[in-house]
Structure formats: structure tokens, C-alpha cells
């Protein structure tokens, strides 16, 4: 599935911000950084449809639901979607303990699962407007395991953009994964995964509805 504004074979970077929700940083035993910190997934990690490949992955696969922003030529939001930053937590932890880059724990096949984008004509600041009440949710086997308003972010999308532009070669069409709330956990074969990005009135703006294979 290719959304309007994208082309098959397009090259983009997937910029991913860590520890933007204080409770998530705490649940993993990490301190929250004073400025936004990023890692990058290559765009061939991107998956838009089909099952999450758990059984064929050599390690663990953990879910992290996020709001994903597609950037325009001015690095402003042009569209938003719900996404999953899938993580091999065990591999990531082992590499971190050895002070090695944890690319293998974040950049495996299908590790950037993104739902359909919806056009967003407003500002970065509006994404965390408490009156708009944008919310990300994730259910696993019909149990709500992650849920948070974007206004709960302690490192806002606007702050993420500002920091990124001080050093990163951001281009039109790049994705910004804005971080996950608490409640991350492992996925297993046959799990049903349903994620949403919702507006203040419960309207589903973007969703992922899939199973783990």
C-alpha cells in the first residue's frame, strides 16, 4: 500500500526518538535525556501490510506503539499515522551491555510497521494540544497494553524536530517516529495486534490490524 505523496522505491530515513515518555524510560530502568536522542532505521525495514514475522526472527520481538509523522520539504508535518517500532529487546540489551551499537536489535526485517497516513495540515505544536486529545493505543489479543495521549510526551515532537535539524540531513518524505509510552512487551506467534491513532472524539485516524506469524 502506497499513500498519496509516496512513490514505490522512494528513499527516506526513519528517524526514531527514544525515551520521549517519562514512564516508558522508567519502566526500562533508563533516565530521560535532557535533549532528544535518535537512532535511524533504514527504509527497507518498513512494512505496511501483512503479518508481523515473529517465528522466523532469530530473537525476541517487542511492541512499541508510536505516532509517526511524515515530513514535508520544510520538515513540517504533512501526514501522521500509527506505527510500531518493533524491537528485539534481548539483543538490544546484550549489545548495550557491551557498549556496542544496537542496530541488530532495532533494524531487522519488518521492524518499522506503519499504518495508513492521514493528512495533517496543522503544526507540530498542535499534535500535543490537549484539546485535540490525539491518542495512541495498542491492543494485543484484545487486551489494551499501551495507551497515551500525545500531550503526555515529556519530549515533544516539536522539540524532536528542532534538535534533529541541528545536525541531520532531513529530507521531504522522511518519517519521524516520536517515541512510545509505557507498557512495551513481547509478541508471540498467533498474537492479534491492533493499534490506533485516535482523535479527541474517538475517531480512528490510522490503524494497524494484523497478526503475528
N, C-alpha and C. Protein backbone atom coordinates (compact mmCIF):
# COMPACT_ATOMS: atom_id res chain seq x y z
N UNK A 1 0.86 -1.20 0.00
CA UNK A 1 0.00 0.00 0.00
C UNK A 1 0.88 1.24 0.00
N UNK A 2 0.66 2.13 -0.91
CA UNK A 2 1.43 3.37 -1.00
C UNK A 2 0.48 4.54 -0.85
N UNK A 3 0.72 5.40 0.14
CA UNK A 3 -0.13 6.56 0.37
C UNK A 3 0.17 7.64 -0.65
N UNK A 4 -0.79 8.54 -0.83
CA UNK A 4 -0.56 9.70 -1.68
C UNK A 4 0.63 10.47 -1.14
N UNK A 5 1.52 10.89 -2.01
CA UNK A 5 2.72 11.60 -1.57
C UNK A 5 3.92 10.69 -1.46
N UNK A 6 3.72 9.37 -1.67
CA UNK A 6 4.83 8.44 -1.65
C UNK A 6 4.94 7.77 -3.01
N UNK A 7 6.11 7.26 -3.33
CA UNK A 7 6.30 6.51 -4.55
C UNK A 7 7.02 5.22 -4.23
N UNK A 8 6.73 4.18 -5.01
CA UNK A 8 7.43 2.92 -4.82
C UNK A 8 8.92 3.13 -5.04
N UNK A 9 9.72 2.55 -4.15
CA UNK A 9 11.16 2.66 -4.29
C UNK A 9 11.71 3.97 -3.75
N UNK A 10 10.85 4.82 -3.17
CA UNK A 10 11.32 6.10 -2.63
C UNK A 10 12.31 5.86 -1.51
N UNK A 11 13.29 6.72 -1.41
CA UNK A 11 14.28 6.63 -0.35
C UNK A 11 13.97 7.66 0.71
N UNK A 12 13.83 7.19 1.95
CA UNK A 12 13.60 8.10 3.05
C UNK A 12 14.31 7.55 4.28
N UNK A 13 14.54 8.41 5.23
CA UNK A 13 15.10 7.98 6.50
C UNK A 13 13.96 7.86 7.51
N UNK A 14 14.11 6.91 8.42
CA UNK A 14 13.16 6.73 9.50
C UNK A 14 13.87 7.16 10.78
N UNK A 15 13.63 8.41 11.19
CA UNK A 15 14.26 8.97 12.38
C UNK A 15 13.42 8.58 13.60
N UNK A 16 14.05 7.97 14.58
CA UNK A 16 13.33 7.42 15.73
C UNK A 16 13.88 8.04 17.02
N UNK A 17 12.99 8.63 17.81
CA UNK A 17 13.38 9.30 19.04
C UNK A 17 13.15 8.37 20.23
N UNK A 18 14.09 8.32 21.16
CA UNK A 18 13.97 7.42 22.31
C UNK A 18 13.54 8.18 23.56
N UNK A 19 12.84 7.47 24.44
CA UNK A 19 12.53 7.93 25.80
C UNK A 19 11.80 9.28 25.83
N UNK A 20 10.82 9.43 24.97
CA UNK A 20 10.07 10.69 24.94
C UNK A 20 8.91 10.70 25.92
N UNK A 21 8.55 9.55 26.46
CA UNK A 21 7.56 9.44 27.54
C UNK A 21 8.32 9.02 28.80
N UNK A 22 8.21 9.81 29.84
CA UNK A 22 8.99 9.56 31.06
C UNK A 22 8.69 8.19 31.65
N UNK A 23 7.43 7.75 31.62
CA UNK A 23 7.08 6.47 32.24
C UNK A 23 7.69 5.30 31.48
N UNK A 24 7.84 5.44 30.16
CA UNK A 24 8.50 4.37 29.41
C UNK A 24 9.98 4.30 29.74
N UNK A 25 10.63 5.44 29.83
CA UNK A 25 12.04 5.44 30.22
C UNK A 25 12.21 4.76 31.58
N UNK A 26 11.30 5.05 32.51
CA UNK A 26 11.39 4.48 33.85
C UNK A 26 11.17 2.97 33.85
N UNK A 27 10.23 2.48 33.01
CA UNK A 27 9.94 1.05 33.03
C UNK A 27 11.11 0.22 32.51
N UNK A 28 11.96 0.83 31.70
CA UNK A 28 13.15 0.12 31.21
C UNK A 28 14.39 0.43 32.04
N UNK A 29 14.21 1.19 33.13
CA UNK A 29 15.32 1.49 34.01
C UNK A 29 16.27 2.53 33.46
N UNK A 30 15.76 3.40 32.58
CA UNK A 30 16.59 4.42 31.96
C UNK A 30 16.20 5.82 32.45
N UNK A 31 17.17 6.70 32.46
CA UNK A 31 16.86 8.10 32.74
C UNK A 31 16.41 8.77 31.44
N UNK A 32 15.62 9.82 31.57
CA UNK A 32 15.18 10.53 30.37
C UNK A 32 16.26 11.53 29.97
N UNK A 33 16.64 11.55 28.69
CA UNK A 33 17.67 12.50 28.25
C UNK A 33 17.18 13.94 28.34
N UNK A 34 18.11 14.86 28.52
CA UNK A 34 17.74 16.27 28.61
C UNK A 34 17.43 16.88 27.24
N UNK A 35 17.96 16.27 26.19
CA UNK A 35 17.67 16.68 24.82
C UNK A 35 17.28 15.44 24.03
N UNK A 36 16.54 15.58 22.92
CA UNK A 36 16.13 14.41 22.15
C UNK A 36 17.32 13.60 21.64
N UNK A 37 17.19 12.28 21.71
CA UNK A 37 18.22 11.35 21.24
C UNK A 37 17.58 10.44 20.20
N UNK A 38 18.30 10.18 19.12
CA UNK A 38 17.74 9.47 17.97
C UNK A 38 18.57 8.25 17.60
N UNK A 39 17.88 7.31 16.95
CA UNK A 39 18.55 6.30 16.14
C UNK A 39 17.83 6.30 14.79
N UNK A 40 18.38 5.62 13.81
CA UNK A 40 17.82 5.63 12.45
C UNK A 40 17.59 4.21 11.98
N UNK A 41 16.42 3.97 11.44
CA UNK A 41 16.15 2.70 10.75
C UNK A 41 16.25 2.94 9.25
N UNK A 42 16.83 2.01 8.51
CA UNK A 42 16.80 2.15 7.05
C UNK A 42 15.38 1.93 6.53
N UNK A 43 15.07 2.54 5.39
CA UNK A 43 13.69 2.47 4.92
C UNK A 43 13.28 1.08 4.48
N UNK A 44 14.24 0.16 4.25
CA UNK A 44 13.83 -1.19 3.89
C UNK A 44 13.45 -2.02 5.11
N UNK A 45 13.40 -1.41 6.31
CA UNK A 45 12.77 -2.03 7.47
C UNK A 45 11.26 -1.81 7.45
N UNK A 46 10.79 -0.94 6.55
CA UNK A 46 9.39 -0.53 6.53
C UNK A 46 8.48 -1.66 6.09
N UNK A 47 7.38 -1.85 6.82
CA UNK A 47 6.33 -2.80 6.46
C UNK A 47 5.00 -2.09 6.61
N UNK A 48 4.10 -2.29 5.64
CA UNK A 48 2.81 -1.59 5.65
C UNK A 48 1.63 -2.56 5.79
N UNK A 49 1.79 -3.80 5.36
CA UNK A 49 0.72 -4.79 5.42
C UNK A 49 1.31 -6.15 5.76
N UNK A 50 0.42 -7.10 6.05
CA UNK A 50 0.85 -8.47 6.29
C UNK A 50 1.16 -8.74 7.75
N UNK A 51 1.48 -10.00 8.04
CA UNK A 51 1.73 -10.38 9.43
C UNK A 51 3.07 -9.86 9.94
N UNK A 52 3.17 -9.72 11.26
CA UNK A 52 4.44 -9.43 11.90
C UNK A 52 5.20 -10.75 12.01
N UNK A 53 6.39 -10.80 11.46
CA UNK A 53 7.14 -12.06 11.39
C UNK A 53 7.90 -12.27 12.69
N UNK A 54 7.29 -13.05 13.56
CA UNK A 54 7.87 -13.32 14.87
C UNK A 54 8.62 -14.65 14.87
N UNK A 55 7.99 -15.71 14.40
CA UNK A 55 8.59 -17.04 14.49
C UNK A 55 9.84 -17.18 13.64
N UNK A 56 9.93 -16.41 12.54
CA UNK A 56 11.11 -16.51 11.68
C UNK A 56 12.24 -15.59 12.13
N UNK A 57 11.97 -14.74 13.15
CA UNK A 57 13.02 -13.87 13.68
C UNK A 57 13.83 -14.65 14.70
N UNK A 58 15.13 -14.49 14.66
CA UNK A 58 16.02 -15.30 15.50
C UNK A 58 16.01 -14.91 16.97
N UNK A 59 15.45 -13.74 17.29
CA UNK A 59 15.39 -13.29 18.69
C UNK A 59 13.97 -12.96 19.10
N UNK A 60 13.84 -12.15 20.13
CA UNK A 60 12.53 -11.70 20.59
C UNK A 60 12.04 -10.52 19.76
N UNK A 61 10.72 -10.34 19.71
CA UNK A 61 10.14 -9.17 19.07
C UNK A 61 9.20 -8.50 20.07
N UNK A 62 9.50 -7.25 20.43
CA UNK A 62 8.68 -6.50 21.37
C UNK A 62 7.98 -5.35 20.65
N UNK A 63 6.78 -5.02 21.10
CA UNK A 63 5.99 -3.94 20.51
C UNK A 63 6.28 -2.61 21.18
N UNK A 64 6.29 -1.55 20.36
CA UNK A 64 6.34 -0.16 20.83
C UNK A 64 5.46 0.66 19.91
N UNK A 65 4.28 1.04 20.37
CA UNK A 65 3.38 1.81 19.52
C UNK A 65 3.79 3.28 19.55
N UNK A 66 3.68 3.94 18.39
CA UNK A 66 4.13 5.33 18.29
C UNK A 66 3.27 6.10 17.28
N UNK A 67 3.32 7.42 17.41
CA UNK A 67 2.81 8.29 16.35
C UNK A 67 3.95 8.55 15.38
N UNK A 68 3.70 8.33 14.10
CA UNK A 68 4.70 8.54 13.06
C UNK A 68 4.30 9.75 12.23
N UNK A 69 5.23 10.66 12.04
CA UNK A 69 4.98 11.88 11.26
C UNK A 69 5.75 11.80 9.95
N UNK A 70 5.06 12.05 8.85
CA UNK A 70 5.76 12.17 7.57
C UNK A 70 6.03 13.65 7.33
N UNK A 71 7.28 13.97 7.04
CA UNK A 71 7.72 15.36 6.95
C UNK A 71 7.67 15.87 5.51
N UNK A 72 7.37 17.18 5.37
CA UNK A 72 7.38 17.78 4.04
C UNK A 72 8.74 18.42 3.76
N UNK A 73 8.84 19.19 2.71
CA UNK A 73 10.13 19.76 2.30
C UNK A 73 10.66 20.79 3.29
N UNK A 74 9.80 21.26 4.20
CA UNK A 74 10.24 22.21 5.23
C UNK A 74 10.37 21.53 6.59
N UNK A 75 10.37 20.20 6.58
CA UNK A 75 10.43 19.40 7.81
C UNK A 75 9.27 19.72 8.74
N UNK A 76 8.13 20.03 8.14
CA UNK A 76 6.88 20.20 8.87
C UNK A 76 6.02 18.96 8.65
N UNK A 77 5.07 18.70 9.53
CA UNK A 77 4.23 17.51 9.34
C UNK A 77 3.30 17.67 8.15
N UNK A 78 3.29 16.67 7.27
CA UNK A 78 2.31 16.66 6.19
C UNK A 78 1.29 15.54 6.36
N UNK A 79 1.64 14.53 7.17
CA UNK A 79 0.72 13.42 7.41
C UNK A 79 1.17 12.69 8.67
N UNK A 80 0.21 12.03 9.32
CA UNK A 80 0.51 11.28 10.54
C UNK A 80 -0.11 9.89 10.45
N UNK A 81 0.47 8.95 11.19
CA UNK A 81 -0.01 7.58 11.19
C UNK A 81 0.36 6.92 12.51
N UNK A 82 -0.27 5.80 12.80
CA UNK A 82 0.18 4.97 13.92
C UNK A 82 1.26 4.03 13.40
N UNK A 83 2.24 3.75 14.23
CA UNK A 83 3.32 2.87 13.82
C UNK A 83 3.78 1.99 14.96
N UNK A 84 4.52 0.94 14.62
CA UNK A 84 5.14 0.05 15.60
C UNK A 84 6.64 0.06 15.38
N UNK A 85 7.37 0.50 16.38
CA UNK A 85 8.83 0.38 16.37
C UNK A 85 9.14 -0.96 17.02
N UNK A 86 9.21 -2.02 16.22
CA UNK A 86 9.44 -3.36 16.75
C UNK A 86 10.90 -3.52 17.15
N UNK A 87 11.11 -4.14 18.30
CA UNK A 87 12.42 -4.17 18.93
C UNK A 87 12.76 -5.56 19.41
N UNK A 88 13.98 -6.03 19.11
CA UNK A 88 14.50 -7.26 19.71
C UNK A 88 15.16 -6.84 21.02
N UNK A 89 14.38 -6.85 22.10
CA UNK A 89 14.83 -6.29 23.37
C UNK A 89 16.04 -7.02 23.93
N UNK A 90 16.05 -8.35 23.82
CA UNK A 90 17.16 -9.13 24.37
C UNK A 90 18.46 -8.79 23.66
N UNK A 91 18.40 -8.77 22.33
CA UNK A 91 19.60 -8.43 21.55
C UNK A 91 20.04 -7.01 21.82
N UNK A 92 19.08 -6.08 21.89
CA UNK A 92 19.41 -4.69 22.19
C UNK A 92 20.13 -4.58 23.54
N UNK A 93 19.60 -5.28 24.55
CA UNK A 93 20.20 -5.22 25.87
C UNK A 93 21.60 -5.81 25.92
N UNK A 94 21.81 -6.90 25.20
CA UNK A 94 23.13 -7.52 25.17
C UNK A 94 24.16 -6.59 24.52
N UNK A 95 23.76 -5.96 23.41
CA UNK A 95 24.68 -5.06 22.72
C UNK A 95 24.97 -3.82 23.56
N UNK A 96 23.96 -3.30 24.22
CA UNK A 96 24.18 -2.14 25.08
C UNK A 96 25.13 -2.46 26.23
N UNK A 97 24.99 -3.67 26.79
CA UNK A 97 25.86 -4.05 27.91
C UNK A 97 27.32 -4.14 27.49
N UNK A 98 27.56 -4.38 26.20
CA UNK A 98 28.91 -4.46 25.66
C UNK A 98 29.35 -3.13 25.05
N UNK A 99 28.52 -2.09 25.22
CA UNK A 99 28.77 -0.76 24.69
C UNK A 99 28.96 -0.77 23.17
N UNK A 100 28.15 -1.60 22.52
CA UNK A 100 28.17 -1.72 21.06
C UNK A 100 26.89 -1.11 20.49
N UNK A 101 26.91 -0.66 19.24
CA UNK A 101 25.68 -0.16 18.61
C UNK A 101 24.61 -1.26 18.61
N UNK A 102 23.36 -0.88 18.88
CA UNK A 102 22.30 -1.88 18.96
C UNK A 102 21.43 -1.91 17.71
N UNK A 103 22.07 -1.75 16.56
CA UNK A 103 21.36 -1.79 15.27
C UNK A 103 20.61 -3.10 15.08
N UNK A 104 21.23 -4.23 15.41
CA UNK A 104 20.60 -5.54 15.20
C UNK A 104 19.31 -5.67 16.00
N UNK A 105 19.20 -4.97 17.12
CA UNK A 105 18.01 -5.04 17.94
C UNK A 105 16.87 -4.17 17.46
N UNK A 106 17.14 -3.28 16.49
CA UNK A 106 16.13 -2.32 16.03
C UNK A 106 15.86 -2.37 14.53
N UNK A 107 16.79 -2.88 13.75
CA UNK A 107 16.72 -2.70 12.29
C UNK A 107 16.56 -4.01 11.53
N UNK A 108 15.85 -4.96 12.11
CA UNK A 108 15.60 -6.22 11.41
C UNK A 108 14.43 -6.07 10.44
N UNK A 109 14.19 -7.08 9.63
CA UNK A 109 13.14 -7.03 8.60
C UNK A 109 11.77 -6.77 9.23
N UNK A 110 11.05 -5.81 8.68
CA UNK A 110 9.70 -5.51 9.14
C UNK A 110 9.62 -4.82 10.48
N UNK A 111 10.72 -4.26 10.95
CA UNK A 111 10.74 -3.67 12.30
C UNK A 111 10.14 -2.28 12.37
N UNK A 112 9.76 -1.71 11.23
CA UNK A 112 9.07 -0.41 11.21
C UNK A 112 7.72 -0.61 10.53
N UNK A 113 6.73 -0.97 11.31
CA UNK A 113 5.39 -1.28 10.77
C UNK A 113 4.54 -0.01 10.90
N UNK A 114 4.04 0.50 9.77
CA UNK A 114 3.33 1.78 9.77
C UNK A 114 1.97 1.62 9.10
N UNK A 115 0.94 2.15 9.76
CA UNK A 115 -0.41 2.13 9.20
C UNK A 115 -0.61 3.22 8.17
N UNK A 116 -1.82 3.35 7.63
CA UNK A 116 -2.11 4.38 6.63
C UNK A 116 -1.93 5.79 7.21
N UNK A 117 -1.40 6.67 6.39
CA UNK A 117 -1.23 8.07 6.80
C UNK A 117 -2.51 8.85 6.54
N UNK A 118 -2.76 9.84 7.41
CA UNK A 118 -3.83 10.79 7.20
C UNK A 118 -3.20 12.18 7.12
N UNK A 119 -3.71 13.00 6.21
CA UNK A 119 -3.13 14.33 6.02
C UNK A 119 -3.22 15.15 7.30
N UNK A 120 -2.14 15.88 7.59
CA UNK A 120 -2.11 16.75 8.77
C UNK A 120 -1.61 18.12 8.32
N UNK A 121 -2.50 19.10 8.31
CA UNK A 121 -2.17 20.43 7.81
C UNK A 121 -1.80 21.40 8.91
N UNK A 122 -1.78 20.94 10.14
CA UNK A 122 -1.52 21.82 11.27
C UNK A 122 -0.05 21.70 11.69
N UNK A 123 0.29 22.35 12.80
CA UNK A 123 1.68 22.46 13.24
C UNK A 123 2.11 21.27 14.09
N UNK A 124 3.41 21.22 14.37
CA UNK A 124 3.93 20.26 15.34
C UNK A 124 3.28 20.47 16.71
N UNK A 125 3.16 21.72 17.10
CA UNK A 125 2.61 22.02 18.42
C UNK A 125 1.18 21.50 18.58
N UNK A 126 0.42 21.52 17.50
CA UNK A 126 -0.97 21.09 17.59
C UNK A 126 -1.10 19.59 17.87
N UNK A 127 -0.06 18.83 17.55
CA UNK A 127 -0.11 17.39 17.79
C UNK A 127 -0.24 17.07 19.27
N UNK A 128 0.26 17.94 20.12
CA UNK A 128 0.21 17.70 21.56
C UNK A 128 -0.78 18.65 22.25
N UNK A 129 -1.65 19.27 21.48
CA UNK A 129 -2.69 20.13 22.04
C UNK A 129 -3.65 19.26 22.86
N UNK A 130 -3.79 19.58 24.13
CA UNK A 130 -4.65 18.77 24.99
C UNK A 130 -6.10 18.78 24.54
N UNK A 131 -6.53 19.81 23.84
CA UNK A 131 -7.92 19.88 23.38
C UNK A 131 -8.16 18.93 22.21
N UNK A 132 -7.12 18.68 21.39
CA UNK A 132 -7.26 17.74 20.29
C UNK A 132 -7.21 16.30 20.78
N UNK A 133 -6.50 16.09 21.88
CA UNK A 133 -6.54 14.80 22.57
C UNK A 133 -6.14 13.64 21.65
N UNK A 134 -5.13 13.84 20.80
CA UNK A 134 -4.66 12.73 19.97
C UNK A 134 -4.08 11.64 20.86
N UNK A 135 -4.46 10.40 20.58
CA UNK A 135 -4.11 9.28 21.44
C UNK A 135 -3.60 8.12 20.60
N UNK A 136 -2.57 7.43 21.11
CA UNK A 136 -2.10 6.19 20.50
C UNK A 136 -2.45 5.03 21.44
N UNK A 137 -2.90 3.93 20.84
CA UNK A 137 -3.33 2.76 21.60
C UNK A 137 -2.82 1.50 20.94
N UNK A 138 -2.59 0.48 21.77
CA UNK A 138 -2.21 -0.83 21.23
C UNK A 138 -2.88 -1.92 22.06
N UNK A 139 -3.58 -2.79 21.36
CA UNK A 139 -4.17 -3.98 21.97
C UNK A 139 -3.43 -5.22 21.46
N UNK A 140 -3.16 -6.16 22.34
CA UNK A 140 -2.63 -7.47 21.96
C UNK A 140 -3.61 -8.51 22.47
N UNK A 141 -4.17 -9.27 21.55
CA UNK A 141 -5.21 -10.26 21.89
C UNK A 141 -6.36 -9.61 22.66
N UNK A 142 -6.78 -8.43 22.15
CA UNK A 142 -7.92 -7.68 22.68
C UNK A 142 -7.69 -7.11 24.08
N UNK A 143 -6.46 -7.14 24.55
CA UNK A 143 -6.12 -6.52 25.84
C UNK A 143 -5.35 -5.23 25.56
N UNK A 144 -5.81 -4.11 26.11
CA UNK A 144 -5.13 -2.84 25.92
C UNK A 144 -3.84 -2.84 26.73
N UNK A 145 -2.70 -2.76 26.03
CA UNK A 145 -1.41 -2.85 26.72
C UNK A 145 -0.63 -1.53 26.69
N UNK A 146 -0.91 -0.67 25.72
CA UNK A 146 -0.28 0.64 25.65
C UNK A 146 -1.32 1.68 25.26
N UNK A 147 -1.34 2.81 25.95
CA UNK A 147 -2.26 3.88 25.62
C UNK A 147 -1.75 5.18 26.23
N UNK A 148 -1.72 6.23 25.44
CA UNK A 148 -1.29 7.54 25.95
C UNK A 148 -1.73 8.63 25.00
N UNK A 149 -2.02 9.80 25.57
CA UNK A 149 -2.23 11.00 24.76
C UNK A 149 -0.86 11.53 24.33
N UNK A 150 -0.80 12.10 23.15
CA UNK A 150 0.46 12.68 22.69
C UNK A 150 0.87 13.85 23.58
N UNK A 151 -0.11 14.48 24.22
CA UNK A 151 0.20 15.58 25.13
C UNK A 151 0.95 15.13 26.37
N UNK A 152 1.02 13.82 26.62
CA UNK A 152 1.76 13.29 27.75
C UNK A 152 3.25 13.19 27.48
N UNK A 153 3.67 13.41 26.24
CA UNK A 153 5.10 13.36 25.92
C UNK A 153 5.86 14.41 26.73
N UNK A 154 6.97 14.00 27.29
CA UNK A 154 7.81 14.95 28.01
C UNK A 154 8.92 15.50 27.11
N UNK A 155 9.10 14.89 25.93
CA UNK A 155 9.92 15.48 24.87
C UNK A 155 9.02 15.56 23.64
N UNK A 156 8.56 16.75 23.31
CA UNK A 156 7.51 16.92 22.30
C UNK A 156 8.04 16.69 20.89
N UNK A 157 7.15 16.40 19.93
CA UNK A 157 7.56 16.30 18.54
C UNK A 157 8.25 17.56 18.02
N UNK A 158 7.78 18.74 18.47
CA UNK A 158 8.43 19.99 18.04
C UNK A 158 9.86 20.06 18.52
N UNK A 159 10.11 19.64 19.77
CA UNK A 159 11.48 19.62 20.29
C UNK A 159 12.33 18.59 19.55
N UNK A 160 11.73 17.48 19.17
CA UNK A 160 12.45 16.46 18.41
C UNK A 160 12.89 17.03 17.06
N UNK A 161 11.96 17.70 16.37
CA UNK A 161 12.29 18.29 15.08
C UNK A 161 13.40 19.31 15.22
N UNK A 162 13.31 20.20 16.20
CA UNK A 162 14.30 21.26 16.37
C UNK A 162 15.69 20.69 16.56
N UNK A 163 15.80 19.68 17.40
CA UNK A 163 17.11 19.06 17.64
C UNK A 163 17.61 18.35 16.39
N UNK A 164 16.73 17.63 15.71
CA UNK A 164 17.12 16.88 14.52
C UNK A 164 17.70 17.79 13.45
N UNK A 165 17.08 18.96 13.28
CA UNK A 165 17.51 19.87 12.22
C UNK A 165 18.86 20.53 12.51
N UNK A 166 19.37 20.41 13.73
CA UNK A 166 20.68 20.99 14.03
C UNK A 166 21.82 20.18 13.43
N UNK A 167 21.54 18.92 13.04
CA UNK A 167 22.66 18.08 12.55
C UNK A 167 22.26 17.08 11.47
N UNK A 168 20.99 16.73 11.36
CA UNK A 168 20.60 15.60 10.50
C UNK A 168 20.23 16.05 9.09
N UNK A 169 20.55 15.25 8.06
CA UNK A 169 20.17 15.56 6.68
C UNK A 169 18.73 15.17 6.41
N UNK A 170 17.81 15.88 7.03
CA UNK A 170 16.38 15.58 6.91
C UNK A 170 15.88 15.97 5.52
N UNK A 171 15.09 15.09 4.92
CA UNK A 171 14.57 15.34 3.57
C UNK A 171 13.06 15.16 3.54
N UNK A 172 12.42 15.75 2.53
CA UNK A 172 10.99 15.57 2.34
C UNK A 172 10.68 14.08 2.20
N UNK A 173 9.62 13.64 2.89
CA UNK A 173 9.23 12.25 2.85
C UNK A 173 9.80 11.41 3.96
N UNK A 174 10.73 11.97 4.74
CA UNK A 174 11.26 11.24 5.89
C UNK A 174 10.17 11.01 6.92
N UNK A 175 10.33 9.96 7.71
CA UNK A 175 9.41 9.65 8.79
C UNK A 175 10.07 10.00 10.12
N UNK A 176 9.28 10.51 11.05
CA UNK A 176 9.73 10.73 12.42
C UNK A 176 8.88 9.86 13.34
N UNK A 177 9.51 8.84 13.93
CA UNK A 177 8.87 8.01 14.96
C UNK A 177 9.07 8.75 16.29
N UNK A 178 7.97 9.14 16.94
CA UNK A 178 8.05 10.12 18.01
C UNK A 178 8.17 9.51 19.41
N UNK A 179 8.30 8.20 19.53
CA UNK A 179 8.50 7.59 20.84
C UNK A 179 7.27 6.88 21.37
N UNK A 180 7.51 5.97 22.30
CA UNK A 180 6.45 5.09 22.79
C UNK A 180 6.15 5.31 24.27
N UNK A 181 4.89 5.13 24.66
CA UNK A 181 4.56 5.18 26.09
C UNK A 181 4.92 3.87 26.79
N UNK A 182 4.66 3.81 28.08
CA UNK A 182 4.94 2.60 28.86
C UNK A 182 4.02 1.46 28.43
N UNK A 183 4.38 0.24 28.82
CA UNK A 183 3.57 -0.93 28.51
C UNK A 183 4.14 -1.80 27.41
N UNK A 184 5.39 -1.57 27.01
CA UNK A 184 6.00 -2.39 25.96
C UNK A 184 6.10 -3.84 26.42
N UNK A 185 6.11 -4.76 25.47
CA UNK A 185 6.18 -6.17 25.82
C UNK A 185 6.42 -7.04 24.61
N UNK A 186 6.63 -8.33 24.87
CA UNK A 186 7.00 -9.27 23.82
C UNK A 186 5.77 -9.75 23.06
N UNK A 187 5.94 -9.93 21.75
CA UNK A 187 4.92 -10.52 20.89
C UNK A 187 5.26 -11.98 20.63
N UNK A 188 4.21 -12.78 20.39
CA UNK A 188 4.37 -14.21 20.18
C UNK A 188 3.58 -14.63 18.94
N UNK A 189 3.96 -15.73 18.30
CA UNK A 189 3.19 -16.23 17.15
C UNK A 189 1.71 -16.39 17.52
N UNK A 190 0.86 -16.02 16.57
CA UNK A 190 -0.61 -16.07 16.69
C UNK A 190 -1.20 -14.90 17.47
N UNK A 191 -0.38 -14.02 18.04
CA UNK A 191 -0.94 -12.84 18.71
C UNK A 191 -1.70 -11.97 17.70
N UNK A 192 -2.83 -11.42 18.13
CA UNK A 192 -3.55 -10.44 17.33
C UNK A 192 -3.14 -9.05 17.81
N UNK A 193 -2.71 -8.22 16.88
CA UNK A 193 -2.19 -6.88 17.20
C UNK A 193 -3.09 -5.84 16.54
N UNK A 194 -3.62 -4.92 17.34
CA UNK A 194 -4.46 -3.85 16.82
C UNK A 194 -3.99 -2.54 17.44
N UNK A 195 -3.59 -1.59 16.60
CA UNK A 195 -3.08 -0.30 17.07
C UNK A 195 -3.86 0.81 16.39
N UNK A 196 -4.06 1.92 17.13
CA UNK A 196 -4.80 3.04 16.57
C UNK A 196 -4.14 4.37 16.94
N UNK A 197 -4.33 5.34 16.07
CA UNK A 197 -4.12 6.75 16.36
C UNK A 197 -5.50 7.39 16.29
N UNK A 198 -5.97 7.97 17.42
CA UNK A 198 -7.34 8.44 17.50
C UNK A 198 -7.40 9.92 17.84
N UNK A 199 -8.48 10.57 17.39
CA UNK A 199 -8.73 11.98 17.72
C UNK A 199 -9.52 12.07 19.02
N UNK A 200 -9.83 13.29 19.43
CA UNK A 200 -10.47 13.53 20.72
C UNK A 200 -11.83 12.87 20.85
N UNK A 201 -12.53 12.68 19.72
CA UNK A 201 -13.87 12.10 19.77
C UNK A 201 -13.87 10.59 19.52
N UNK A 202 -12.68 9.98 19.51
CA UNK A 202 -12.58 8.54 19.29
C UNK A 202 -12.50 8.13 17.84
N UNK A 203 -12.48 9.10 16.93
CA UNK A 203 -12.34 8.78 15.51
C UNK A 203 -10.96 8.18 15.26
N UNK A 204 -10.94 7.03 14.61
CA UNK A 204 -9.67 6.37 14.29
C UNK A 204 -9.09 7.00 13.03
N UNK A 205 -7.95 7.66 13.19
CA UNK A 205 -7.29 8.33 12.07
C UNK A 205 -6.40 7.39 11.29
N UNK A 206 -5.81 6.43 11.99
CA UNK A 206 -4.89 5.46 11.37
C UNK A 206 -4.91 4.21 12.23
N UNK A 207 -4.79 3.05 11.61
CA UNK A 207 -4.81 1.82 12.40
C UNK A 207 -3.93 0.74 11.77
N UNK A 208 -3.53 -0.20 12.61
CA UNK A 208 -2.86 -1.43 12.19
C UNK A 208 -3.67 -2.58 12.76
N UNK A 209 -4.05 -3.52 11.94
CA UNK A 209 -4.81 -4.68 12.38
C UNK A 209 -4.17 -5.91 11.74
N UNK A 210 -3.40 -6.64 12.53
CA UNK A 210 -2.64 -7.75 11.95
C UNK A 210 -2.41 -8.83 12.99
N UNK A 211 -1.77 -9.89 12.56
CA UNK A 211 -1.41 -11.00 13.46
C UNK A 211 0.08 -11.27 13.37
N UNK A 212 0.57 -11.96 14.36
CA UNK A 212 1.97 -12.36 14.37
C UNK A 212 2.08 -13.78 13.80
N UNK A 213 3.05 -13.95 12.94
CA UNK A 213 3.22 -15.23 12.26
C UNK A 213 4.49 -15.92 12.79
